[in-house]
C-alpha atoms as a PDB file:
ATOM      1  CA  MET A   1     -19.241  11.478 -16.234  1.00  0.00           C
ATOM      2  CA  GLY A   2     -16.385   9.284 -14.813  1.00  0.00           C
ATOM      3  CA  ILE A   3     -15.369   8.369 -10.600  1.00  0.00           C
ATOM      4  CA  ASN A   4     -14.041  11.383  -9.013  1.00  0.00           C
ATOM      5  CA  LEU A   5     -11.331   9.326  -6.510  1.00  0.00           C
ATOM      6  CA  TYR A   6     -10.557  12.813  -5.188  1.00  0.00           C
ATOM      7  CA  ASN A   7     -12.504  14.527  -2.819  1.00  0.00           C
ATOM      8  CA  PHE A   8     -10.701  18.565  -2.577  1.00  0.00           C
ATOM      9  CA  SER A   9     -13.334  20.116  -0.778  1.00  0.00           C
ATOM     10  CA  LYS A  10     -12.720  18.675   2.605  1.00  0.00           C
ATOM     11  CA  LYS A  11     -12.331  20.195   5.025  1.00  0.00           C
ATOM     12  CA  LYS A  12      -9.675  17.756   6.630  1.00  0.00           C
ATOM     13  CA  PRO A  13      -6.472  16.445   5.728  1.00  0.00           C
ATOM     14  CA  TYR A  14      -5.911  13.440   3.035  1.00  0.00           C
ATOM     15  CA  PHE A  15      -5.266  10.174   5.440  1.00  0.00           C
ATOM     16  CA  THR A  16      -2.296   8.202   3.739  1.00  0.00           C
ATOM     17  CA  VAL A  17      -1.748   4.802   5.637  1.00  0.00           C
ATOM     18  CA  SER A  18       1.560   3.564   4.773  1.00  0.00           C
ATOM     19  CA  ILE A  19       1.674   0.154   5.218  1.00  0.00           C
ATOM     20  CA  ASN A  20       4.872  -2.207   6.415  1.00  0.00           C
ATOM     21  CA  ASP A  21       3.491  -5.690   6.882  1.00  0.00           C
ATOM     22  CA  SER A  22       4.926  -8.842   6.613  1.00  0.00           C
ATOM     23  CA  THR A  23       1.624 -10.851   5.423  1.00  0.00           C
ATOM     24  CA  PRO A  24      -1.372 -11.112   4.114  1.00  0.00           C
ATOM     25  CA  ASP A  25      -3.660 -11.149   6.618  1.00  0.00           C
ATOM     26  CA  GLU A  26      -1.246  -8.398   8.733  1.00  0.00           C
ATOM     27  CA  THR A  27      -1.846  -6.359   5.844  1.00  0.00           C
ATOM     28  CA  ILE A  28      -5.421  -6.381   5.686  1.00  0.00           C
ATOM     29  CA  CYS A  29      -6.026  -6.415   9.353  1.00  0.00           C
ATOM     30  CA  THR A  30      -4.236  -2.938   8.981  1.00  0.00           C
ATOM     31  CA  ILE A  31      -6.553  -2.015   6.290  1.00  0.00           C
ATOM     32  CA  ARG A  32      -9.111  -2.978   7.872  1.00  0.00           C
ATOM     33  CA  ASN A  33      -8.062  -1.448  11.032  1.00  0.00           C
ATOM     34  CA  THR A  34      -7.192   1.874   9.842  1.00  0.00           C
ATOM     35  CA  VAL A  35     -10.279   2.148   7.112  1.00  0.00           C
ATOM     36  CA  PHE A  36     -12.328   2.072  10.606  1.00  0.00           C
ATOM     37  CA  ASP A  37      -9.873   5.202  11.785  1.00  0.00           C
ATOM     38  CA  GLY A  38     -10.690   7.054   8.363  1.00  0.00           C
ATOM     39  CA  ALA A  39      -7.993   6.419   6.141  1.00  0.00           C
ATOM     40  CA  ASP A  40      -8.782   7.759   2.558  1.00  0.00           C
ATOM     41  CA  SER A  41      -5.784   5.517   0.707  1.00  0.00           C
ATOM     42  CA  PHE A  42      -3.253   3.356   1.347  1.00  0.00           C
ATOM     43  CA  LEU A  43       0.532   2.931   0.065  1.00  0.00           C
ATOM     44  CA  ILE A  44       1.741  -0.626   0.668  1.00  0.00           C
ATOM     45  CA  HIS A  45       5.327  -1.402   0.690  1.00  0.00           C
ATOM     46  CA  LEU A  46       5.337  -4.987  -0.790  1.00  0.00           C
ATOM     47  CA  GLU A  47       9.012  -5.071  -0.486  1.00  0.00           C
ATOM     48  CA  ARG A  48       8.424  -5.644   3.319  1.00  0.00           C
ATOM     49  CA  MET A  49       6.315  -8.945   2.890  1.00  0.00           C
ATOM     50  CA  GLN A  50       8.052 -12.027   2.287  1.00  0.00           C
ATOM     51  CA  GLU A  51       8.289 -12.306  -1.870  1.00  0.00           C
ATOM     52  CA  GLU A  52       6.476 -15.949  -1.889  1.00  0.00           C
ATOM     53  CA  TYR A  53       2.922 -13.814  -1.242  1.00  0.00           C
ATOM     54  CA  HIS A  54       3.899 -11.610  -4.790  1.00  0.00           C
ATOM     55  CA  ASN A  55       1.453 -12.772  -6.646  1.00  0.00           C
ATOM     56  CA  GLU A  56      -1.899 -11.312  -8.376  1.00  0.00           C
ATOM     57  CA  HIS A  57      -4.258 -13.314  -6.447  1.00  0.00           C
ATOM     58  CA  VAL A  58      -2.130 -12.477  -3.079  1.00  0.00           C
ATOM     59  CA  LEU A  59      -2.769  -8.798  -4.511  1.00  0.00           C
ATOM     60  CA  GLU A  60      -6.611  -9.044  -5.133  1.00  0.00           C
ATOM     61  CA  ARG A  61      -7.730 -10.416  -1.365  1.00  0.00           C
ATOM     62  CA  ILE A  62      -5.630  -7.330  -0.237  1.00  0.00           C
ATOM     63  CA  PHE A  63      -6.885  -4.891  -2.531  1.00  0.00           C
ATOM     64  CA  ALA A  64     -10.522  -5.756  -1.972  1.00  0.00           C
ATOM     65  CA  TYR A  65     -10.495  -5.239   2.054  1.00  0.00           C
ATOM     66  CA  ALA A  66      -9.463  -1.433   0.508  1.00  0.00           C
ATOM     67  CA  GLU A  67     -12.661  -0.429   0.100  1.00  0.00           C
ATOM     68  CA  ASP A  68     -12.241   1.681  -2.932  1.00  0.00           C
ATOM     69  CA  LYS A  69      -9.842   3.917  -1.899  1.00  0.00           C
ATOM     70  CA  PRO A  70      -7.078   4.461  -3.435  1.00  0.00           C
ATOM     71  CA  ILE A  71      -3.899   2.244  -3.264  1.00  0.00           C
ATOM     72  CA  MET A  72      -0.254   2.499  -4.185  1.00  0.00           C
ATOM     73  CA  THR A  73       2.447  -0.571  -4.512  1.00  0.00           C
ATOM     74  CA  LEU A  74       6.099   0.674  -4.063  1.00  0.00           C
ATOM     75  CA  ASN A  75       8.461  -2.243  -4.662  1.00  0.00           C
ATOM     76  CA  TYR A  76      12.253  -0.998  -3.573  1.00  0.00           C
ATOM     77  CA  ARG A  77      14.874  -3.526  -5.091  1.00  0.00           C
ATOM     78  CA  PRO A  78      17.778  -5.273  -2.810  1.00  0.00           C
ATOM     79  CA  LYS A  79      20.511  -3.338  -2.033  1.00  0.00           C
ATOM     80  CA  LYS A  80      22.017  -6.721  -2.871  1.00  0.00           C
ATOM     81  CA  ASN A  81      25.203  -5.357  -5.241  1.00  0.00           C
ATOM     82  CA  ARG A  82      26.752  -3.054  -3.310  1.00  0.00           C
ATOM     83  CA  SER A  83      30.295  -3.165  -6.069  1.00  0.00           C
ATOM     84  CA  LEU A  84      28.708  -0.821  -7.858  1.00  0.00           C
ATOM     85  CA  PRO A  85      30.673   2.246  -7.768  1.00  0.00           C
ATOM     86  CA  MET A  86      28.802   5.275  -6.365  1.00  0.00           C
ATOM     87  CA  THR A  87      28.906   8.647  -9.017  1.00  0.00           C
ATOM     88  CA  ILE A  88      28.254  12.204  -7.878  1.00  0.00           C
END
């Protein structure tokens, strides 16, 4: 039988932390502090992190601190080309 990452029988709300830090060290610090506070999962905004850290080695280092809790990463595209027409 597989591991169930979601425990829907909890009596408290699911606590997901949204992380907007600009360096891996700041992100790891946030993860460590929020694990202590009872975080159940993490949402990491990669677009806020400096681009030099967008590589597999750095992400593996960050994920190691999540203690097997679910992680979702987002990387929104920058709004560089504002000349595109808006359609409604």
